[in-house]
């Protein structure tokens, strides 16, 4: 009989020992120890304190009870019960106990001793517990080698009573470490902050500490503490994907469940958070009883479970190339690389590092002219070829909407190869208008648009809403209108152009074999020709020195304030790696994204 929801009518005496036992256990489960005293015959002076100490010493979050058999003899009875106590940070502890009851003055009462809490407890006994968390398991790279390890870091923070000039402290921390002054103020204004307490603000690696120490050490109030922390191969390495660890927050604690408690080190973002229970394992521990004699008895042992490693698909050398390519890029940016044969994500980088947004996975943008790789595949599927003659006027009106080429370019009667290489908008909106009504949407789906897939971290994928009219179909053909995608997905588009088959991108080896689709038959070689021409003679020629690189630039308009700002894109492939570069609000893809792509490809 489960008693957590039992109803006890306390306005009248319980009618029998069963009723009283039920009422007592229900009151105990509610935690109302003062009311519980009213159900005990001759309660000890410190009755409530016994229960409160039992609860606090073991960190009991809740208790529920199952009532067993009742044995009655005239004016006394014994009731067996099972208590299930939920111990914070450890789990459930089950105890079989007994309630002794006595009938006096027409009603039943519980005869209480410490043995009600546990059969082995006596007056003067004390409960305690131990808890040991297992070593956190590592995140592994695509070859099974650790990407994370324990190492030394320096915590840099402030000590309130030593601060002489708060503005100087805030300025130094911001200029040398990027710590916003508001963060310093928030730490100082937190409830219960003692003037002598060290308030950590940021952890840095020893090499970074050596760089900033000469500037920070002379500022009164700034202090340093050495500690160990979970580290990746280099500062900022795949930071948004791997994530970070730290002390569990008040907001996160309820989400993680009762196996966690304040002070635990947990994953706070990225894969560290997404796979927290798996990486952390479960703690081991003991419930102990110290008898008045001093003897300690172990009442229960929690068997912990070691953490399990999480196998990513990242390759350190590809990731390092991505990090190096984005070095010095001031605007928000992302770079993702995938294996063209499988969709395995080899590198993922997002900037700025200090912002939590993982633009590579969750940023949704119009793809602009990078979508022409998909429109071209739809055209090639109808029998067109790289040498097919096509028109490229400077502007054209489709469905009542005017479309122009970048900077008014016009190539007249030209080849599909040159129209693609120079990203002629008018060519593609006109030719898309001549396709069967659902051809563009079908091509988008072959490249994974509208397909849901697990990538290992939250990612919305790419969407291609069915065009509502000719004007919207024309806009969609050049990656505008309502078409949206992520840098992650556009890397998979580049990989599909390279291999002839789209594979859903995945960050964990266990996700291999997700959704996939073949491109239209006979289109792969021609698509290679078009994308190679972009680099050798078109809008991507800033990367012409990279042998074998093929791709497509994109300059995607967004917003509603004229002149419309643009995102800079480049998608490409080389030697089995497909990748995408995005610079948010960066301007022209050929001028901004292509040099980044060239650095990445060259670093490989």
Protein backbone atom coordinates (compact mmCIF):
# COMPACT_ATOMS: atom_id res chain seq x y z
CA UNK A 1 0.00 0.00 0.00
CA UNK A 2 1.60 3.30 -1.16
CA UNK A 3 0.98 6.06 1.34
CA UNK A 4 2.38 9.17 -0.35
CA UNK A 5 -1.15 10.14 -1.36
CA UNK A 6 -3.07 8.81 1.64
CA UNK A 7 -5.56 11.16 3.26
CA UNK A 8 -5.62 11.40 7.02
CA UNK A 9 -8.59 13.03 8.71
CA UNK A 10 -6.96 14.53 11.81
CA UNK A 11 -10.16 16.07 13.16
CA UNK A 12 -11.07 12.80 14.89
CA UNK A 13 -9.03 9.94 16.40
CA UNK A 14 -7.99 7.11 14.08
CA UNK A 15 -10.42 4.23 14.53
CA UNK A 16 -7.89 1.42 14.72
CA UNK A 17 -4.16 0.62 14.55
CA UNK A 18 -4.31 0.32 10.74
CA UNK A 19 -5.83 3.80 10.44
CA UNK A 20 -3.33 5.26 12.88
CA UNK A 21 -0.35 3.62 11.12
CA UNK A 22 -1.56 4.99 7.80
CA UNK A 23 -2.08 8.45 9.25
CA UNK A 24 1.34 8.45 10.92
CA UNK A 25 3.23 7.44 7.78
CA UNK A 26 1.31 9.96 5.71
CA UNK A 27 2.23 12.76 8.10
CA UNK A 28 5.84 11.60 8.09
CA UNK A 29 5.87 11.72 4.27
CA UNK A 30 4.55 15.28 4.37
CA UNK A 31 7.47 16.40 6.55
CA UNK A 32 5.23 18.01 9.17
CA UNK A 33 7.15 16.83 12.23
CA UNK A 34 5.23 19.02 14.66
CA UNK A 35 2.00 17.33 13.57
CA UNK A 36 3.78 13.98 13.77
CA UNK A 37 4.52 14.60 17.46
CA UNK A 38 0.78 14.83 18.05
CA UNK A 39 0.42 11.20 16.97
CA UNK A 40 3.04 9.86 19.40
CA UNK A 41 2.46 8.60 22.92
CA UNK A 42 4.84 10.38 25.28
CA UNK A 43 7.15 11.80 22.58
CA UNK A 44 10.73 12.59 23.65
CA UNK A 45 11.65 16.21 24.20
CA UNK A 46 13.69 16.40 21.02
CA UNK A 47 11.32 14.40 18.82
CA UNK A 48 11.23 16.90 15.93
CA UNK A 49 14.99 17.38 16.15
CA UNK A 50 15.51 13.61 15.72
CA UNK A 51 13.57 13.71 12.45
CA UNK A 52 15.14 16.92 11.18
CA UNK A 53 18.64 15.63 11.92
CA UNK A 54 17.85 12.31 10.21
CA UNK A 55 16.65 14.23 7.15
CA UNK A 56 19.53 16.70 7.02
CA UNK A 57 22.35 14.27 7.83
CA UNK A 58 21.29 12.03 4.96
CA UNK A 59 20.08 14.84 2.65
CA UNK A 60 16.67 13.23 2.25
CA UNK A 61 14.70 14.97 -0.47
CA UNK A 62 11.49 13.01 0.04
CA UNK A 63 10.14 9.89 1.70
CA UNK A 64 7.32 7.58 0.78
CA UNK A 65 6.01 4.55 2.62
CA UNK A 66 4.39 1.20 1.98
CA UNK A 67 2.40 -0.23 4.90
CA UNK A 68 2.67 -3.96 5.48
CA UNK A 69 1.01 -6.32 7.98
CA UNK A 70 -0.57 -5.31 11.27
CA UNK A 71 -0.39 -7.67 14.26
CA UNK A 72 -2.72 -6.71 17.10
CA UNK A 73 -2.78 -7.97 20.69
CA UNK A 74 -5.54 -6.40 22.79
CA UNK A 75 -4.39 -2.84 23.48
CA UNK A 76 -1.17 -2.94 21.43
CA UNK A 77 -0.19 -3.58 17.82
CA UNK A 78 2.88 -3.80 15.60
CA UNK A 79 2.78 -2.56 12.00
CA UNK A 80 5.51 -3.35 9.48
CA UNK A 81 6.30 -0.84 6.77
CA UNK A 82 8.82 -0.09 4.07
CA UNK A 83 10.33 3.41 3.81
CA UNK A 84 11.77 4.61 0.51
CA UNK A 85 13.96 7.65 1.16
CA UNK A 86 15.32 9.65 -1.78
CA UNK A 87 18.83 10.83 -0.88
CA UNK A 88 20.07 13.80 -2.84
CA UNK A 89 23.03 12.89 -4.99
CA UNK A 90 22.76 9.16 -4.30
CA UNK A 91 19.30 7.78 -5.03
CA UNK A 92 16.70 5.72 -3.22
CA UNK A 93 17.37 3.94 0.05
CA UNK A 94 14.82 1.36 1.18
CA UNK A 95 14.41 0.51 4.86
CA UNK A 96 12.10 -2.11 6.38
CA UNK A 97 10.82 -0.89 9.72
CA UNK A 98 8.12 -1.32 12.33
CA UNK A 99 5.70 0.93 14.17
CA UNK A 100 4.65 -0.08 17.66
CA UNK A 101 1.22 1.23 18.60
CA UNK A 102 -0.69 1.40 21.87
CA UNK A 103 -4.34 2.12 22.65
CA UNK A 104 -4.93 4.71 25.38
CA UNK A 105 -8.06 6.62 26.34
CA UNK A 106 -10.01 5.31 23.40
CA UNK A 107 -7.51 6.01 20.61
CA UNK A 108 -4.33 4.59 19.11
CA UNK A 109 -0.90 6.17 19.41
CA UNK A 110 2.58 5.41 18.06
CA UNK A 111 5.18 4.44 20.66
CA UNK A 112 8.23 6.13 19.22
CA UNK A 113 11.93 5.34 19.61
CA UNK A 114 14.83 6.05 17.22
CA UNK A 115 14.30 2.49 15.92
CA UNK A 116 11.34 3.88 13.94
CA UNK A 117 13.88 5.71 11.78
CA UNK A 118 15.94 2.56 11.36
CA UNK A 119 15.76 -0.74 13.29
CA UNK A 120 19.42 -0.44 14.37
CA UNK A 121 19.16 3.15 15.63
CA UNK A 122 19.30 3.83 19.36
CA UNK A 123 19.13 6.94 21.52
CA UNK A 124 22.37 8.82 20.88
CA UNK A 125 22.93 7.27 17.43
CA UNK A 126 23.91 9.52 14.51
CA UNK A 127 23.35 8.96 10.81
CA UNK A 128 25.87 10.00 8.14
CA UNK A 129 26.66 9.33 4.52
CA UNK A 130 29.55 9.24 2.08
CA UNK A 131 29.50 10.02 -1.63
CA UNK A 132 32.16 9.59 -4.29
CA UNK A 133 31.65 10.59 -7.89
CA UNK A 134 33.48 8.55 -10.52
CA UNK A 135 36.05 10.17 -12.78
CA UNK A 136 34.34 11.91 -15.66
CA UNK A 137 34.69 9.95 -18.90
CA UNK A 138 36.35 11.68 -21.86
CA UNK A 139 35.03 12.93 -25.13
CA UNK A 140 36.88 11.04 -27.87
CA UNK A 141 37.84 12.07 -31.39
CA UNK A 142 37.09 10.18 -34.57
CA UNK A 143 40.03 7.86 -33.96
CA UNK A 144 39.06 7.07 -30.39
CA UNK A 145 41.67 9.34 -28.80
CA UNK A 146 40.72 11.67 -25.90
CA UNK A 147 39.74 15.22 -26.72
CA UNK A 148 39.43 16.12 -23.04
CA UNK A 149 41.69 15.67 -20.04
CA UNK A 150 42.26 17.04 -16.54
CA UNK A 151 44.85 19.80 -16.38
CA UNK A 152 45.92 22.93 -14.52
CA UNK A 153 44.17 26.24 -15.00
CA UNK A 154 44.37 29.57 -13.22
CA UNK A 155 41.17 31.04 -11.81
CA UNK A 156 41.30 34.83 -12.07
CA UNK A 157 38.96 36.80 -9.87
CA UNK A 158 38.63 39.50 -7.25
CA UNK A 159 38.67 39.86 -3.47
CA UNK A 160 36.21 42.65 -2.53
CA UNK A 161 38.05 44.05 0.50
CA UNK A 162 41.27 44.50 -1.50
CA UNK A 163 39.69 46.51 -4.33
CA UNK A 164 40.80 50.14 -4.25
CA UNK A 165 39.45 51.26 -7.62
CA UNK A 166 36.60 49.20 -9.04
CA UNK A 167 36.76 50.94 -12.42
CA UNK A 168 40.43 50.02 -12.77
CA UNK A 169 39.70 46.40 -11.89
CA UNK A 170 36.81 46.17 -14.37
CA UNK A 171 38.80 47.89 -17.11
CA UNK A 172 41.81 45.59 -16.70
CA UNK A 173 39.70 42.43 -16.75
CA UNK A 174 37.78 43.58 -19.81
CA UNK A 175 40.75 44.72 -21.88
CA UNK A 176 42.96 41.69 -21.17
CA UNK A 177 40.42 38.88 -20.72
CA UNK A 178 37.18 40.13 -22.26
CA UNK A 179 35.32 39.97 -18.92
CA UNK A 180 32.42 42.41 -19.11
CA UNK A 181 32.22 44.96 -16.24
CA UNK A 182 28.62 43.89 -15.59
CA UNK A 183 29.89 40.41 -14.77
CA UNK A 184 32.28 41.80 -12.17
CA UNK A 185 29.52 43.90 -10.64
CA UNK A 186 27.15 40.93 -10.53
CA UNK A 187 29.71 38.82 -8.66
CA UNK A 188 30.29 41.58 -6.12
CA UNK A 189 26.57 42.16 -5.59
CA UNK A 190 25.65 38.50 -5.17
CA UNK A 191 23.86 37.70 -1.88
CA UNK A 192 26.07 36.61 0.99
CA UNK A 193 29.39 37.68 -0.52
CA UNK A 194 31.99 38.06 2.23
CA UNK A 195 34.54 40.89 1.78
CA UNK A 196 37.45 38.49 2.24
CA UNK A 197 36.11 35.86 -0.17
CA UNK A 198 37.83 35.18 -3.51
CA UNK A 199 35.29 35.54 -6.34
CA UNK A 200 36.43 33.64 -9.45
CA UNK A 201 35.46 35.24 -12.77
CA UNK A 202 37.32 33.32 -15.47
CA UNK A 203 39.62 30.31 -15.82
CA UNK A 204 42.62 30.51 -18.15
CA UNK A 205 45.33 28.08 -19.15
CA UNK A 206 48.84 28.59 -17.70
CA UNK A 207 50.17 29.99 -21.00
CA UNK A 208 47.43 32.63 -21.13
CA UNK A 209 48.01 33.42 -17.45
CA UNK A 210 51.67 34.11 -18.14
CA UNK A 211 50.64 36.58 -20.85
CA UNK A 212 48.15 38.57 -18.77
CA UNK A 213 49.69 38.36 -15.30
CA UNK A 214 52.08 41.32 -15.73
CA UNK A 215 49.11 43.59 -16.53
CA UNK A 216 46.67 42.22 -13.95
CA UNK A 217 48.82 41.45 -10.90
CA UNK A 218 49.57 45.12 -10.06
CA UNK A 219 45.85 46.00 -9.94
CA UNK A 220 44.71 45.89 -6.26
CA UNK A 221 41.84 43.46 -5.79
CA UNK A 222 42.68 41.04 -8.64
CA UNK A 223 43.86 37.63 -7.45
CA UNK A 224 44.77 34.24 -8.91
CA UNK A 225 44.15 30.66 -7.79
CA UNK A 226 45.53 27.50 -9.37
CA UNK A 227 43.15 24.55 -9.78
CA UNK A 228 42.46 21.57 -12.02
CA UNK A 229 39.85 21.62 -14.74
CA UNK A 230 38.69 19.67 -17.78
CA UNK A 231 40.61 20.83 -20.83
CA UNK A 232 40.46 20.35 -24.58
CA UNK A 233 43.56 20.15 -26.83
CA UNK A 234 43.81 23.94 -27.12
CA UNK A 235 42.03 27.04 -25.90
CA UNK A 236 38.80 27.43 -27.86
CA UNK A 237 39.17 24.05 -29.59
CA UNK A 238 35.69 23.04 -30.83
CA UNK A 239 34.42 25.02 -27.85
CA UNK A 240 30.76 25.19 -28.82
CA UNK A 241 30.59 21.53 -29.83
CA UNK A 242 32.51 20.00 -26.93
CA UNK A 243 31.05 22.46 -24.42
CA UNK A 244 32.34 23.31 -20.99
CA UNK A 245 32.04 21.99 -17.46
CA UNK A 246 31.64 23.82 -14.18
CA UNK A 247 29.69 23.90 -10.95
CA UNK A 248 26.05 22.96 -11.44
CA UNK A 249 23.75 25.97 -11.57
CA UNK A 250 20.53 26.39 -9.60
CA UNK A 251 18.59 26.35 -12.89
CA UNK A 252 20.22 23.15 -14.12
CA UNK A 253 20.05 21.17 -10.88
CA UNK A 254 16.31 20.30 -11.09
CA UNK A 255 16.71 19.20 -14.71
CA UNK A 256 19.51 16.77 -13.91
CA UNK A 257 17.54 14.99 -11.21
CA UNK A 258 18.21 13.65 -7.72
CA UNK A 259 21.52 11.99 -8.61
CA UNK A 260 23.05 15.49 -8.46
CA UNK A 261 23.57 17.93 -5.62
CA UNK A 262 24.87 21.50 -5.21
CA UNK A 263 28.61 21.76 -5.76
CA UNK A 264 28.77 18.98 -8.38
CA UNK A 265 30.84 19.64 -11.47
CA UNK A 266 28.70 19.05 -14.55
CA UNK A 267 28.51 19.78 -18.25
CA UNK A 268 27.15 23.28 -18.83
CA UNK A 269 27.00 23.37 -22.63
CA UNK A 270 27.64 21.41 -25.81
CA UNK A 271 28.23 17.67 -25.70
CA UNK A 272 29.32 17.94 -22.06
CA UNK A 273 25.76 18.97 -21.17
CA UNK A 274 23.91 16.91 -23.78
CA UNK A 275 25.55 13.71 -22.51
CA UNK A 276 26.05 14.69 -18.86
CA UNK A 277 24.68 11.52 -17.17
CA UNK A 278 26.58 9.27 -19.57
CA UNK A 279 29.90 11.06 -19.10
CA UNK A 280 29.50 11.52 -15.34
CA UNK A 281 28.25 8.05 -14.44
CA UNK A 282 26.58 7.69 -11.05
CA UNK A 283 28.19 8.18 -7.63
CA UNK A 284 28.88 5.48 -5.08
CA UNK A 285 28.26 6.00 -1.39
CA UNK A 286 27.22 4.60 1.96
CA UNK A 287 24.57 5.25 4.57
CA UNK A 288 26.23 4.91 7.96
CA UNK A 289 25.06 4.74 11.56
CA UNK A 290 27.37 5.69 14.41
CA UNK A 291 26.21 4.01 17.62
CA UNK A 292 26.62 5.62 21.08
CA UNK A 293 29.61 3.32 21.60
CA UNK A 294 31.36 4.91 18.63
CA UNK A 295 31.03 1.84 16.45
CA UNK A 296 30.12 2.62 12.84
CA UNK A 297 27.78 0.38 10.90
CA UNK A 298 27.22 0.59 7.15
CA UNK A 299 23.47 0.40 6.66
CA UNK A 300 23.47 0.58 2.87
CA UNK A 301 25.93 0.78 -0.02
CA UNK A 302 25.19 2.60 -3.29
CA UNK A 303 27.09 0.97 -6.12
CA UNK A 304 28.26 3.67 -8.53
CA UNK A 305 28.47 3.32 -12.29
CA UNK A 306 31.57 4.60 -14.12
CA UNK A 307 31.10 7.27 -16.76
CA UNK A 308 31.13 6.17 -20.39
CA UNK A 309 33.11 7.92 -23.09
CA UNK A 310 31.31 9.72 -25.89
CA UNK A 311 32.81 9.04 -29.33
CA UNK A 312 32.72 12.06 -31.60
CA UNK A 313 33.63 12.14 -35.28
CA UNK A 314 35.93 15.18 -34.97
CA UNK A 315 39.46 14.92 -36.34
CA UNK A 316 41.94 17.17 -34.50
CA UNK A 317 43.90 18.17 -37.59
CA UNK A 318 40.73 19.21 -39.46
CA UNK A 319 39.41 21.03 -36.39
CA UNK A 320 42.71 22.86 -35.96
CA UNK A 321 42.55 23.93 -39.61
CA UNK A 322 39.05 25.31 -39.03
CA UNK A 323 40.17 27.22 -35.92
CA UNK A 324 43.16 28.67 -37.77
CA UNK A 325 40.98 29.71 -40.72
CA UNK A 326 38.70 31.74 -38.45
CA UNK A 327 41.54 33.33 -36.47
CA UNK A 328 41.26 37.10 -36.65
CA UNK A 329 37.70 37.10 -38.03
CA UNK A 330 36.00 39.87 -36.06
CA UNK A 331 32.40 39.25 -37.12
CA UNK A 332 30.23 36.32 -36.03
CA UNK A 333 31.21 33.32 -38.15
CA UNK A 334 31.07 29.55 -38.47
CA UNK A 335 32.91 26.81 -40.30
CA UNK A 336 31.82 23.18 -40.54
CA UNK A 337 33.53 20.30 -42.34
CA UNK A 338 32.13 16.83 -43.03
CA UNK A 339 33.29 13.58 -44.59
CA UNK A 340 31.84 13.49 -48.11
CA UNK A 341 31.40 9.69 -48.01
CA UNK A 342 29.55 9.39 -44.70
CA UNK A 343 28.41 12.78 -43.39
CA UNK A 344 30.63 12.47 -40.30
CA UNK A 345 31.39 15.93 -38.93
CA UNK A 346 35.16 16.43 -38.93
CA UNK A 347 35.30 20.00 -37.63
CA UNK A 348 32.90 22.58 -36.24
CA UNK A 349 33.89 26.09 -35.21
CA UNK A 350 31.75 29.04 -34.18
CA UNK A 351 32.70 32.60 -33.38
CA UNK A 352 32.75 34.60 -31.16
CA UNK A 353 33.98 32.09 -28.63
CA UNK A 354 32.60 34.08 -25.70
CA UNK A 355 29.04 33.93 -27.04
CA UNK A 356 27.09 30.76 -26.17
CA UNK A 357 25.30 30.61 -29.54
CA UNK A 358 26.58 27.72 -31.65
CA UNK A 359 26.07 29.38 -35.02
CA UNK A 360 27.40 26.37 -36.89
CA UNK A 361 24.58 24.13 -35.62
CA UNK A 362 21.70 26.40 -34.66
CA UNK A 363 22.12 29.59 -36.69
CA UNK A 364 19.46 29.75 -39.45
CA UNK A 365 20.25 31.87 -42.49
CA UNK A 366 19.19 32.28 -46.11
CA UNK A 367 21.82 30.37 -48.12
CA UNK A 368 21.93 32.90 -50.96
CA UNK A 369 23.73 31.77 -54.08
CA UNK A 370 25.23 28.69 -52.44
CA UNK A 371 21.75 27.24 -53.09
CA UNK A 372 22.50 27.49 -56.83
CA UNK A 373 24.39 24.21 -56.43
CA UNK A 374 20.99 22.64 -55.75
CA UNK A 375 19.21 24.58 -58.50
CA UNK A 376 21.98 23.55 -60.90
CA UNK A 377 21.46 19.89 -59.98
CA UNK A 378 17.76 20.28 -60.79
CA UNK A 379 18.68 21.79 -64.18
CA UNK A 380 21.28 19.13 -64.91
CA UNK A 381 18.68 16.46 -64.11
CA UNK A 382 16.57 17.73 -67.03
CA UNK A 383 19.40 17.18 -69.52
CA UNK A 384 21.21 20.50 -69.34
CA UNK A 385 25.00 20.44 -69.27
CA UNK A 386 27.89 22.78 -68.38
CA UNK A 387 28.09 23.97 -72.00
CA UNK A 388 24.35 24.56 -72.43
CA UNK A 389 23.78 28.09 -73.71
CA UNK A 390 21.86 30.27 -71.27
CA UNK A 391 20.96 33.98 -71.06
CA UNK A 392 22.44 36.25 -68.38
CA UNK A 393 20.93 39.75 -68.62
CA UNK A 394 21.66 42.30 -65.89
CA UNK A 395 18.08 42.10 -64.62
CA UNK A 396 14.85 40.19 -65.21
CA UNK A 397 11.32 40.32 -63.87
CA UNK A 398 9.68 37.05 -62.78
CA UNK A 399 6.18 36.91 -61.33
CA UNK A 400 6.16 40.67 -61.02
CA UNK A 401 9.39 40.79 -58.99
CA UNK A 402 12.60 42.34 -60.31
CA UNK A 403 15.81 40.33 -59.91
CA UNK A 404 19.27 41.81 -60.54
CA UNK A 405 22.78 40.50 -60.75
CA UNK A 406 25.44 41.58 -58.29
CA UNK A 407 26.78 45.01 -59.25
CA UNK A 408 24.68 44.91 -62.44
CA UNK A 409 26.82 42.30 -64.19
CA UNK A 410 25.57 40.85 -67.48
CA UNK A 411 27.14 38.11 -69.61
CA UNK A 412 24.58 37.97 -72.39
CA UNK A 413 24.36 34.62 -74.15
CA UNK A 414 26.80 32.42 -72.21
CA UNK A 415 27.32 28.86 -70.93
CA UNK A 416 25.73 27.38 -67.84
CA UNK A 417 29.28 26.85 -66.55
CA UNK A 418 30.13 30.56 -66.71
CA UNK A 419 26.71 31.63 -65.42
CA UNK A 420 27.23 29.39 -62.41
CA UNK A 421 30.86 30.40 -61.91
CA UNK A 422 29.94 34.11 -61.92
CA UNK A 423 26.75 33.50 -59.92
CA UNK A 424 24.36 35.01 -62.46
CA UNK A 425 21.07 35.46 -60.58
CA UNK A 426 19.02 36.21 -63.69
CA UNK A 427 20.08 32.97 -65.38
CA UNK A 428 18.93 30.86 -62.48
CA UNK A 429 15.64 32.59 -61.76
CA UNK A 430 14.65 32.33 -65.44
CA UNK A 431 15.70 28.70 -65.82
CA UNK A 432 14.06 27.71 -62.53
CA UNK A 433 10.81 29.22 -63.76
CA UNK A 434 10.91 26.81 -66.73
CA UNK A 435 11.34 23.72 -64.51
CA UNK A 436 8.38 21.49 -63.62
CA UNK A 437 6.46 22.94 -60.65
CA UNK A 438 7.91 20.56 -58.04
CA UNK A 439 11.38 20.05 -59.55
CA UNK A 440 13.18 22.58 -57.36
CA UNK A 441 11.52 21.32 -54.20
CA UNK A 442 12.45 17.72 -55.13
CA UNK A 443 16.07 18.73 -55.70
CA UNK A 444 16.16 20.50 -52.34
CA UNK A 445 14.91 17.35 -50.67
CA UNK A 446 17.63 15.27 -52.37
CA UNK A 447 20.07 17.59 -50.59
CA UNK A 448 18.35 17.06 -47.21
CA UNK A 449 16.13 20.15 -47.08
CA UNK A 450 13.03 19.36 -45.04
CA UNK A 451 14.63 16.19 -43.67
CA UNK A 452 14.82 15.73 -39.91
CA UNK A 453 17.97 14.08 -38.57
CA UNK A 454 19.85 13.73 -35.27
CA UNK A 455 23.26 15.36 -35.44
CA UNK A 456 24.43 14.87 -31.85
CA UNK A 457 23.55 18.41 -30.77
CA UNK A 458 20.36 20.39 -31.37
CA UNK A 459 20.16 21.63 -34.95
CA UNK A 460 17.07 22.68 -36.91
CA UNK A 461 18.38 21.50 -40.28
CA UNK A 462 17.25 23.21 -43.48
CA UNK A 463 13.82 24.18 -44.76
CA UNK A 464 12.50 24.77 -48.28
CA UNK A 465 8.83 25.79 -48.00
CA UNK A 466 6.90 25.07 -51.23
CA UNK A 467 6.91 28.33 -53.25
CA UNK A 468 3.56 30.08 -53.24
CA UNK A 469 3.99 31.75 -56.65
CA UNK A 470 6.45 32.28 -59.50
CA UNK A 471 8.20 35.16 -57.76
CA UNK A 472 8.82 33.10 -54.65
CA UNK A 473 10.04 30.15 -56.74
CA UNK A 474 12.50 32.48 -58.49
CA UNK A 475 13.74 33.82 -55.14
CA UNK A 476 14.11 30.29 -53.77
CA UNK A 477 16.21 29.30 -56.81
CA UNK A 478 18.91 31.73 -55.63
CA UNK A 479 18.58 30.86 -51.93
CA UNK A 480 16.40 33.77 -50.88
CA UNK A 481 12.70 34.06 -50.04
CA UNK A 482 11.74 31.69 -47.26
CA UNK A 483 14.63 29.24 -47.70
CA UNK A 484 16.64 28.82 -44.48
CA UNK A 485 19.54 26.62 -43.51
CA UNK A 486 22.40 26.16 -41.06
CA UNK A 487 26.14 26.18 -41.80
CA UNK A 488 26.13 22.54 -40.69
CA UNK A 489 23.58 21.63 -43.32
CA UNK A 490 25.31 23.56 -46.09
CA UNK A 491 28.49 21.59 -45.36
CA UNK A 492 26.44 18.45 -46.03
CA UNK A 493 25.21 20.02 -49.29
CA UNK A 494 28.81 20.55 -50.38
CA UNK A 495 29.63 16.97 -49.42
CA UNK A 496 26.66 15.70 -51.45
CA UNK A 497 27.83 17.64 -54.50
CA UNK A 498 31.22 15.95 -54.11
CA UNK A 499 30.03 12.36 -53.58
CA UNK A 500 26.72 12.31 -55.45
CA UNK A 501 24.83 11.28 -52.34
CA UNK A 502 23.56 13.40 -49.46
CA UNK A 503 24.23 12.03 -45.97
CA UNK A 504 22.76 13.54 -42.81
CA UNK A 505 25.67 15.10 -40.89
CA UNK A 506 26.42 13.55 -37.51
CA UNK A 507 28.79 14.40 -34.67
CA UNK A 508 28.68 11.08 -32.78
CA UNK A 509 29.85 7.77 -34.24
CA UNK A 510 26.73 6.06 -32.90
CA UNK A 511 24.59 8.15 -35.26
CA UNK A 512 26.22 6.84 -38.44
CA UNK A 513 23.75 5.56 -40.99
CA UNK A 514 21.16 8.33 -40.71
CA UNK A 515 18.96 9.62 -43.53
CA UNK A 516 20.55 9.85 -46.97
CA UNK A 517 19.50 10.38 -50.58
CA UNK A 518 21.10 10.07 -54.02
CA UNK A 519 21.37 13.05 -56.30
CA UNK A 520 19.73 12.82 -59.70
CA UNK A 521 21.52 10.34 -61.95
CA UNK A 522 24.25 11.70 -64.17
CA UNK A 523 24.53 15.07 -62.42
CA UNK A 524 27.59 14.59 -60.23
CA UNK A 525 30.37 15.07 -62.81
CA UNK A 526 28.68 18.10 -64.34
CA UNK A 527 28.14 19.64 -60.90
CA UNK A 528 31.86 19.16 -60.20
CA UNK A 529 32.65 21.04 -63.40
CA UNK A 530 30.42 23.95 -62.42
CA UNK A 531 31.79 24.19 -58.88
CA UNK A 532 35.39 23.90 -59.96
CA UNK A 533 34.82 26.75 -62.44
CA UNK A 534 33.64 28.96 -59.57
CA UNK A 535 37.12 28.69 -58.05
CA UNK A 536 39.24 28.77 -61.18
CA UNK A 537 37.52 31.62 -63.01
CA UNK A 538 34.46 32.85 -61.12
CA UNK A 539 33.47 34.47 -57.85
CA UNK A 540 35.70 32.14 -55.84
CA UNK A 541 38.92 32.79 -57.77
CA UNK A 542 40.57 34.21 -54.62
CA UNK A 543 41.09 30.53 -53.79
CA UNK A 544 42.28 29.51 -57.26
CA UNK A 545 45.66 28.55 -55.88
CA UNK A 546 44.18 25.63 -53.91
CA UNK A 547 44.51 22.58 -56.16
CA UNK A 548 41.31 20.58 -56.56
CA UNK A 549 39.09 22.96 -54.59
CA UNK A 550 35.56 23.32 -55.94
CA UNK A 551 32.70 25.30 -54.48
CA UNK A 552 30.08 28.02 -54.65
CA UNK A 553 29.98 31.49 -53.16
CA UNK A 554 26.92 33.12 -51.66
CA UNK A 555 25.89 36.65 -50.74
CA UNK A 556 22.60 36.29 -48.91
CA UNK A 557 20.36 39.28 -48.25
CA UNK A 558 18.53 39.52 -44.95
CA UNK A 559 16.54 42.01 -42.91
CA UNK A 560 14.19 44.71 -44.16
CA UNK A 561 16.21 47.92 -43.97
CA UNK A 562 17.54 49.19 -47.31
CA UNK A 563 20.17 48.68 -48.49
CA UNK A 564 19.78 45.08 -47.33
CA UNK A 565 22.79 43.72 -45.41
CA UNK A 566 24.22 40.38 -46.53
CA UNK A 567 25.75 37.23 -45.09
CA UNK A 568 28.92 35.99 -46.77
CA UNK A 569 28.96 32.27 -47.70
CA UNK A 570 31.21 29.72 -49.33
CA UNK A 571 30.57 26.01 -49.62
CA UNK A 572 33.13 23.68 -51.13
CA UNK A 573 34.83 20.32 -51.23
CA UNK A 574 38.33 19.00 -51.62
CA UNK A 575 39.90 15.57 -51.11
CA UNK A 576 36.95 13.94 -49.39
CA UNK A 577 35.98 16.88 -47.19
CA UNK A 578 32.90 19.05 -47.77
CA UNK A 579 32.66 22.30 -45.84
CA UNK A 580 30.75 25.53 -45.38
CA UNK A 581 31.93 28.97 -44.28
CA UNK A 582 29.54 31.66 -43.06
CA UNK A 583 30.34 35.19 -41.93
CA UNK A 584 27.23 36.71 -40.42
CA UNK A 585 26.57 40.13 -41.92
CA UNK A 586 29.96 39.78 -43.57
CA UNK A 587 29.07 41.19 -46.97
CA UNK A 588 30.16 39.55 -50.23
CA UNK A 589 30.89 35.83 -50.17
CA UNK A 590 33.65 35.97 -52.80
CA UNK A 591 35.49 38.70 -50.92
CA UNK A 592 34.95 37.63 -47.30
CA UNK A 593 34.15 33.91 -47.07
CA UNK A 594 36.43 32.66 -49.87
CA UNK A 595 39.70 33.76 -48.20
CA UNK A 596 38.64 31.91 -45.05
CA UNK A 597 37.83 28.84 -47.13
CA UNK A 598 41.22 29.10 -48.85
CA UNK A 599 43.02 29.22 -45.49
CA UNK A 600 41.07 26.19 -44.30
CA UNK A 601 41.72 24.13 -47.43
CA UNK A 602 45.39 25.11 -47.47
CA UNK A 603 45.84 24.17 -43.80
CA UNK A 604 44.57 20.67 -44.55
